[in-house]
Protein backbone atom coordinates (compact mmCIF):
# COMPACT_ATOMS: atom_id res chain seq x y z
CA MET A 1 135.06 81.92 111.47
CA THR A 2 136.66 81.81 114.91
CA LYS A 3 133.88 79.83 116.56
CA THR A 4 133.11 76.23 115.75
CA ILE A 5 129.69 75.06 114.63
CA GLU A 6 129.29 73.32 117.99
CA SER A 7 129.95 76.45 120.04
CA LEU A 8 127.64 78.50 117.85
CA HIS A 9 124.96 75.85 118.21
CA ASN A 10 125.27 75.81 122.00
CA SER A 11 125.21 79.58 122.35
CA LEU A 12 122.25 79.90 120.03
CA HIS A 13 120.22 77.44 122.09
CA GLN A 14 121.41 78.56 125.54
CA THR A 15 121.30 82.32 125.12
CA GLU A 16 118.04 83.83 126.27
CA ARG A 17 116.76 85.99 123.48
CA PRO A 18 113.65 88.03 124.34
CA LYS A 19 111.45 88.52 121.32
CA ALA A 20 111.70 92.03 119.96
CA ALA A 21 108.30 93.67 119.69
CA ALA A 22 107.82 95.15 116.25
CA ARG A 23 107.00 98.86 116.40
CA ILE A 24 104.53 98.33 113.62
CA ALA A 25 103.65 95.25 111.59
CA THR A 26 101.64 96.72 108.76
CA PRO A 27 99.78 100.04 108.70
CA GLU A 28 96.31 99.78 110.15
CA ARG A 29 93.93 98.93 107.38
CA ASP A 30 90.20 99.17 107.11
CA GLU A 31 88.17 96.16 106.04
CA SER A 32 88.75 96.83 102.34
CA GLY A 33 92.50 97.20 102.90
CA SER A 34 92.67 93.88 104.75
CA HIS A 35 90.70 92.24 101.99
CA ALA A 36 93.13 93.61 99.38
CA TRP A 37 96.15 92.31 101.34
CA ASN A 38 94.56 88.88 101.76
CA THR A 39 93.74 88.80 98.04
CA LEU A 40 97.38 89.54 97.18
CA LEU A 41 98.61 86.88 99.60
CA THR A 42 96.25 84.35 98.04
CA ALA A 43 97.59 85.17 94.56
CA SER A 44 101.16 84.98 95.84
CA THR A 45 100.55 81.62 97.52
CA ARG A 46 98.94 80.27 94.34
CA GLU A 47 102.01 81.28 92.32
CA LEU A 48 104.25 79.60 94.91
CA GLU A 49 102.25 76.37 94.68
CA LEU A 50 102.45 76.34 90.88
CA ARG A 51 106.22 76.86 91.05
CA ARG A 52 106.56 74.06 93.61
CA ARG A 53 104.73 71.64 91.36
CA ARG A 54 106.88 72.55 88.34
CA VAL A 55 110.17 72.11 90.16
CA GLU A 56 109.13 69.16 92.29
CA ARG A 57 108.89 67.00 89.19
CA SER A 58 112.62 67.40 88.53
CA LYS A 59 114.00 67.49 92.08
CA GLY A 60 114.01 64.70 94.61
CA ALA A 61 114.69 65.15 98.32
CA PRO A 62 118.12 63.90 99.43
CA ALA A 63 116.49 61.63 102.03
CA GLU A 64 113.12 60.92 103.64
CA THR A 65 114.38 62.29 106.95
CA ILE A 66 117.27 64.50 108.01
CA ALA A 67 118.10 64.41 111.71
CA SER A 68 114.65 64.57 113.36
CA TRP A 69 112.95 66.19 110.38
CA ARG A 70 110.70 64.30 107.95
CA ILE A 71 111.04 65.86 104.49
CA GLY A 72 107.84 67.08 102.86
CA SER A 73 107.05 69.17 99.81
CA PHE A 74 109.60 71.21 97.87
CA LEU A 75 109.55 74.94 98.65
CA GLY A 76 112.34 76.47 96.58
CA ALA A 77 115.96 76.40 95.48
CA GLY A 78 118.81 78.85 95.20
CA ALA A 79 122.37 78.80 93.92
CA THR A 80 123.68 76.94 96.97
CA ALA A 81 120.66 75.47 98.75
CA VAL A 82 117.32 73.70 98.37
CA VAL A 83 114.39 74.22 100.76
CA TYR A 84 111.69 71.73 101.76
CA GLU A 85 108.80 71.84 104.13
CA ALA A 86 109.62 69.43 106.97
CA THR A 87 107.93 68.06 110.08
CA HIS A 88 109.58 67.13 113.36
CA THR A 89 109.16 63.37 113.89
CA LYS A 90 108.35 63.75 117.62
CA THR A 91 106.73 67.16 118.14
CA GLY A 92 105.01 67.55 114.77
CA GLN A 93 106.42 71.07 114.38
CA ARG A 94 106.50 72.23 110.73
CA VAL A 95 109.48 74.19 109.43
CA ALA A 96 111.19 75.27 106.26
CA LEU A 97 114.29 73.07 106.08
CA LYS A 98 117.16 74.60 104.12
CA ILE A 99 119.75 72.08 102.91
CA LEU A 100 123.28 72.95 101.75
CA GLU A 101 125.91 70.52 100.51
CA GLY A 102 129.06 70.12 102.57
CA GLU A 103 131.17 72.38 100.39
CA HIS A 104 129.12 75.37 101.53
CA ARG A 105 130.13 75.04 105.18
CA GLU A 106 131.43 78.62 105.35
CA ARG A 107 128.09 80.03 104.19
CA PHE A 108 126.34 77.71 106.68
CA GLU A 109 128.49 79.06 109.52
CA ARG A 110 127.95 82.67 108.45
CA GLU A 111 124.18 82.22 108.45
CA ILE A 112 124.18 80.73 111.95
CA ALA A 113 126.51 83.45 113.26
CA ALA A 114 124.28 86.19 111.80
CA HIS A 115 121.18 84.81 113.51
CA GLN A 116 123.09 84.38 116.75
CA LYS A 117 124.17 88.01 116.65
CA LEU A 118 120.73 89.33 115.69
CA GLY A 119 118.65 87.24 118.04
CA VAL A 120 114.90 87.23 117.33
CA HIS A 121 113.17 89.97 115.37
CA ASP A 122 109.68 90.04 113.90
CA ARG A 123 110.94 91.25 110.52
CA VAL A 124 113.50 88.45 110.04
CA VAL A 125 112.52 84.79 109.63
CA GLY A 126 113.80 83.00 112.72
CA LEU A 127 116.32 80.15 112.78
CA LEU A 128 115.03 77.34 115.03
CA ASP A 129 117.63 74.56 114.71
CA TYR A 130 120.51 73.37 112.55
CA GLY A 131 123.05 70.61 112.11
CA THR A 132 125.17 68.51 109.75
CA GLU A 133 124.26 65.02 108.49
CA ARG A 134 125.95 62.31 106.43
CA LEU A 135 123.41 60.95 103.96
CA GLY A 136 124.04 57.68 102.14
CA GLY A 137 125.62 58.38 98.77
CA TRP A 138 125.54 62.13 99.40
CA ARG A 139 128.39 64.06 100.86
CA ASP A 140 127.83 65.71 104.22
CA VAL A 141 124.91 68.12 104.10
CA HIS A 142 124.22 71.08 106.36
CA TRP A 143 120.64 71.89 107.33
CA LEU A 144 118.92 74.87 108.90
CA ALA A 145 115.35 74.70 110.22
CA TYR A 146 113.52 78.03 109.81
CA GLU A 147 110.10 79.24 110.78
CA LEU A 148 107.63 78.21 108.10
CA VAL A 149 106.19 81.30 106.40
CA SER A 150 103.11 80.41 104.38
CA GLY A 151 102.56 83.33 101.99
CA GLY A 152 105.33 82.75 99.46
CA THR A 153 107.99 85.24 98.42
CA LEU A 154 107.70 88.82 97.26
CA ARG A 155 108.80 87.53 93.85
CA ASP A 156 105.73 85.26 93.81
CA LEU A 157 103.57 88.29 94.55
CA LEU A 158 105.14 90.35 91.78
CA ARG A 159 104.75 87.51 89.27
CA SER A 160 101.11 86.94 90.14
CA HIS A 161 99.99 90.55 90.59
CA GLY A 162 102.56 92.95 89.21
CA ARG A 163 102.19 96.50 90.53
CA VAL A 164 100.47 96.83 93.91
CA GLU A 165 98.59 99.77 95.35
CA PRO A 166 100.80 102.43 97.01
CA GLU A 167 99.35 101.71 100.47
CA LEU A 168 100.28 98.04 100.30
CA ALA A 169 103.65 98.86 98.76
CA HIS A 170 104.23 101.18 101.72
CA ALA A 171 103.44 98.39 104.20
CA ILE A 172 105.83 95.97 102.53
CA VAL A 173 108.68 98.46 102.06
CA ARG A 174 108.37 99.66 105.65
CA ASN A 175 108.55 96.08 106.94
CA ILE A 176 111.70 95.50 104.88
CA ALA A 177 113.23 98.75 106.15
CA GLU A 178 112.53 97.65 109.74
CA GLY A 179 114.30 94.37 109.08
CA LEU A 180 117.29 96.21 107.63
CA GLU A 181 117.34 98.56 110.61
CA ALA A 182 117.55 95.57 112.96
CA LEU A 183 120.39 94.02 110.94
CA HIS A 184 122.34 97.28 110.67
CA ASP A 185 121.89 98.03 114.38
CA HIS A 186 123.66 94.73 115.06
CA GLY A 187 126.48 95.44 112.62
CA LEU A 188 125.06 93.12 109.93
CA ILE A 189 124.62 93.84 106.20
CA HIS A 190 122.28 91.63 104.19
CA ARG A 191 124.18 92.00 100.87
CA ASP A 192 121.63 90.00 98.86
CA LEU A 193 118.33 91.82 99.32
CA LYS A 194 115.89 90.98 96.51
CA PRO A 195 112.24 89.82 96.19
CA GLU A 196 113.28 86.15 96.35
CA ASN A 197 114.67 86.75 99.85
CA ILE A 198 111.56 88.43 101.27
CA LEU A 199 108.77 86.20 102.59
CA LEU A 200 105.15 87.21 103.16
CA ASP A 201 102.43 86.20 105.59
CA GLU A 202 99.45 87.77 107.32
CA GLY A 203 101.80 89.83 109.50
CA GLY A 204 103.61 91.44 106.57
CA ALA A 205 107.05 91.04 105.01
CA ARG A 206 110.08 89.32 106.58
CA LEU A 207 113.71 89.03 105.50
CA THR A 208 115.41 85.71 104.99
CA ASP A 209 118.65 84.20 103.62
CA LEU A 210 121.42 85.77 105.69
CA GLY A 211 124.09 83.55 104.16
CA LEU A 212 126.09 86.39 102.59
CA ILE A 213 126.32 88.44 105.79
CA GLY A 214 129.98 88.76 106.70
CA SER A 215 131.16 87.57 103.29
CA GLU A 216 133.50 89.41 100.97
CA GLN A 217 131.05 89.11 98.08
CA ARG A 218 132.00 91.15 95.03
CA ILE A 219 130.57 91.11 91.54
CA ASP A 220 133.02 89.88 88.93
CA MET A 221 132.47 92.09 85.90
CA GLN A 222 134.54 89.81 83.68
CA SER A 223 132.01 86.99 83.93
CA LEU A 224 129.15 88.87 85.60
CA THR A 225 128.72 86.25 88.27
CA VAL A 226 128.13 86.74 91.96
CA ALA A 227 129.85 84.37 94.39
CA GLY A 228 127.15 82.34 96.07
CA ALA A 229 124.20 84.07 94.37
CA PHE A 230 122.22 84.16 91.14
CA VAL A 231 123.23 86.52 88.35
CA GLY A 232 119.74 87.99 88.87
CA THR A 233 121.18 89.66 91.97
CA VAL A 234 122.86 92.16 89.64
CA ALA A 235 119.50 93.91 89.08
CA TYR A 236 119.46 94.77 92.82
CA ALA A 237 123.17 95.49 93.22
CA SER A 238 124.28 99.05 93.87
CA PRO A 239 126.53 101.02 91.48
CA GLU A 240 129.46 100.67 93.86
CA GLN A 241 129.03 96.88 93.90
CA ILE A 242 128.97 96.86 90.09
CA GLU A 243 132.30 98.70 90.26
CA GLY A 244 133.70 95.86 92.37
CA GLN A 245 133.57 97.56 95.76
CA LYS A 246 132.58 95.74 98.94
CA ALA A 247 128.90 96.02 99.87
CA ARG A 248 128.15 98.24 102.85
CA ARG A 249 124.92 99.34 104.54
CA ALA A 250 124.17 101.76 101.72
CA ALA A 251 124.00 98.81 99.29
CA ASP A 252 121.06 97.39 101.27
CA LEU A 253 119.30 100.77 101.03
CA TRP A 254 119.83 100.87 97.26
CA ALA A 255 118.22 97.42 96.99
CA LEU A 256 115.35 98.67 99.15
CA GLY A 257 114.80 101.50 96.65
CA VAL A 258 114.86 99.09 93.71
CA ILE A 259 112.26 96.86 95.40
CA ALA A 260 110.06 99.86 96.25
CA PHE A 261 110.16 101.01 92.63
CA GLU A 262 109.31 97.51 91.40
CA LEU A 263 106.31 97.25 93.73
CA LEU A 264 104.98 100.64 92.65
CA SER A 265 105.53 100.23 88.91
CA GLY A 266 105.30 96.47 88.42
CA LYS A 267 108.65 96.49 86.60
CA SER A 268 112.24 95.99 87.64
CA PRO A 269 113.91 99.37 87.04
CA PHE A 270 117.30 98.07 85.92
CA ALA A 271 116.67 94.55 84.60
CA ARG A 272 117.56 94.38 80.91
CA GLY A 273 117.84 91.63 78.31
CA ASN A 274 121.18 90.35 79.62
CA PRO A 275 123.36 90.72 82.72
CA PHE A 276 125.84 93.08 81.04
CA ALA A 277 123.09 95.50 79.97
CA THR A 278 121.63 95.26 83.48
CA ALA A 279 124.99 96.15 85.02
CA VAL A 280 125.32 99.16 82.69
CA ALA A 281 121.80 100.34 83.57
CA VAL A 282 122.66 100.13 87.28
CA SER A 283 126.02 101.87 86.98
CA LYS A 284 124.50 104.70 84.91
CA ARG A 285 121.30 104.78 87.01
CA GLN A 286 119.09 104.48 83.93
CA ILE A 287 115.72 104.80 85.61
CA ALA A 288 112.54 106.81 84.97
CA LEU A 289 111.27 107.82 88.42
CA GLY A 290 108.28 109.47 86.76
CA VAL A 291 106.54 106.10 86.64
CA ALA A 292 106.30 106.07 90.47
CA PRO A 293 103.63 107.96 92.44
CA ARG A 294 104.70 111.55 92.94
CA SER A 295 104.64 111.30 96.74
CA TRP A 296 107.29 108.55 96.59
CA ARG A 297 109.78 110.23 94.28
CA SER A 298 111.77 112.12 96.91
CA LEU A 299 112.38 108.94 98.91
CA LEU A 300 113.25 106.96 95.77
CA GLU A 301 115.67 109.69 94.66
CA ARG A 302 117.47 109.37 97.98
CA LEU A 303 117.54 105.58 98.16
CA LEU A 304 118.67 105.32 94.53
CA SER A 305 121.34 108.00 94.76
CA THR A 306 124.62 107.01 93.12
CA ALA A 307 126.40 108.50 96.15
CA PRO A 308 126.15 105.91 98.98
CA SER A 309 126.41 108.60 101.66
CA ASP A 310 123.24 110.28 100.34
CA ARG A 311 121.03 107.23 100.91
CA GLY A 312 120.75 107.77 104.64
CA THR A 313 120.15 104.89 107.03
CA ALA A 314 117.52 102.21 107.43
CA ALA A 315 116.17 104.10 110.43
CA SER A 316 115.83 107.29 108.37
CA ALA A 317 114.05 105.28 105.65
CA VAL A 318 111.51 104.04 108.24
CA LEU A 319 110.99 107.64 109.40
CA ALA A 320 110.63 108.89 105.82
CA LEU A 321 108.03 106.19 105.13
CA ASP A 322 106.06 107.25 108.21
CA MET A 323 106.18 110.86 107.06
CA LEU A 324 105.14 109.83 103.54
CA ARG A 325 102.12 107.97 104.90
CA ALA A 326 101.12 110.91 107.10
CA GLU A 327 101.44 113.28 104.15
CA VAL A 328 99.29 111.09 101.88
CA GLU A 329 96.64 110.63 104.59
CA LYS A 330 96.56 114.37 105.23
CA ARG A 331 96.15 115.07 101.54
CA GLY A 332 93.52 112.39 101.16
CA ALA A 333 95.19 109.61 99.17
CA GLY A 334 93.38 107.81 96.39
CA GLY A 335 92.19 109.47 93.25
CA THR A 336 94.55 112.42 93.59
CA GLU A 337 96.68 113.35 90.65
CA SER A 338 99.84 112.96 92.69
CA GLU A 339 99.18 109.25 93.17
CA LEU A 340 98.72 108.40 89.51
CA VAL A 341 101.23 105.92 88.11
CA ILE A 342 102.29 106.53 84.52
CA ASP A 343 103.52 103.68 82.37
CA GLY A 344 107.22 104.13 81.64
CA ASP A 345 107.00 102.77 78.07
CA LEU A 346 104.21 105.24 77.34
CA VAL A 347 106.35 108.09 78.64
CA LEU A 348 109.22 107.09 76.33
CA PHE A 349 106.87 106.64 73.35
CA VAL A 350 105.17 110.01 73.80
CA GLY A 351 108.51 111.71 74.37
CA GLY A 352 109.91 110.17 71.19
CA MET A 353 106.89 111.22 69.14
CA MET A 354 107.14 114.78 70.43
CA PHE A 355 110.82 114.86 69.53
CA LEU A 356 110.13 113.62 65.98
CA ALA A 357 107.33 116.17 65.59
CA MET A 358 109.65 118.96 66.68
CA VAL A 359 112.31 117.83 64.21
CA GLY A 360 109.68 117.82 61.47
CA VAL A 361 108.53 121.35 62.26
CA LEU A 362 112.09 122.66 62.31
CA THR A 363 112.78 120.99 58.95
CA VAL A 364 109.71 122.59 57.38
CA LEU A 365 110.68 126.00 58.76
CA ALA A 366 114.21 125.58 57.42
CA PHE A 367 112.96 124.84 53.89
CA ALA A 368 110.41 127.66 54.06
CA SER A 369 113.10 130.18 54.86
């Protein structure tokens, strides 16, 4: 980093950043559609609250206050940070306060620099303030105050609900694609896109955790660890990342495809019993696209292409999603055969039974002759 924390802090607070108007938040929904979205958000928020209670018992806040922020309830934790709800002691403003220990200063600086470069965008959770504090027996800690998003993460939604209806999956995936388009237009690559890093509220889906932007993150196949991230990231890593190459824009688009598939099927396409098996499934693209609605398969084929150059851009993904929606509406979505979702395990079971039956018939014919 060439700029100091202080200069980044000053420029972030002094630079006028007009709020970017989102082209579309979520597709217009009728009353039943809005009800379905609110029901999903309620389930997601309930899952988040249960997870908070489980973890809160074993984690204590580092202090009652950090800078001007009074620490509240636990929100979540990652490999390098812990997040609490916090309230400003003077203004009463509520935020999500992300706390990193001093050794993660480089990641702290990268996250600030990414937000400074991006500015404000409706599809990315905004950074409001940040700083470094010395806390009693703790080492120095870095903190970042983010907008408080109340609906939980996309992972919470998947845990509580599993597969969602194609229309709602479309809304979420399009929001994510818009966020990626904004990042890519500013020369930024997320590098760690996964359901845990996507937050939900009434306005749709928003990206968060930009701490790996600008890093040289590579997956170490010897130990299957990811610098600064959970091993679970491997399930969303692209084949080229599994091979040890540096993540580029196409890696974000691969992760977008994986998330879209998971929303539509209720299952992670590449997650296996252990990280090594997961890495093999990714590198060999072991996926059954037949479990996704037929209208989505062309887009999924492109996003999950093993050739990075074939995945297009985030902008082209947004356009493809708009075309997909128009096509489904024209055809009259809902109840059509093309929108049926087939269970992947059932497909494998039926296919196996058919194969065994064929072997049996051939054996009988061989003995008869």
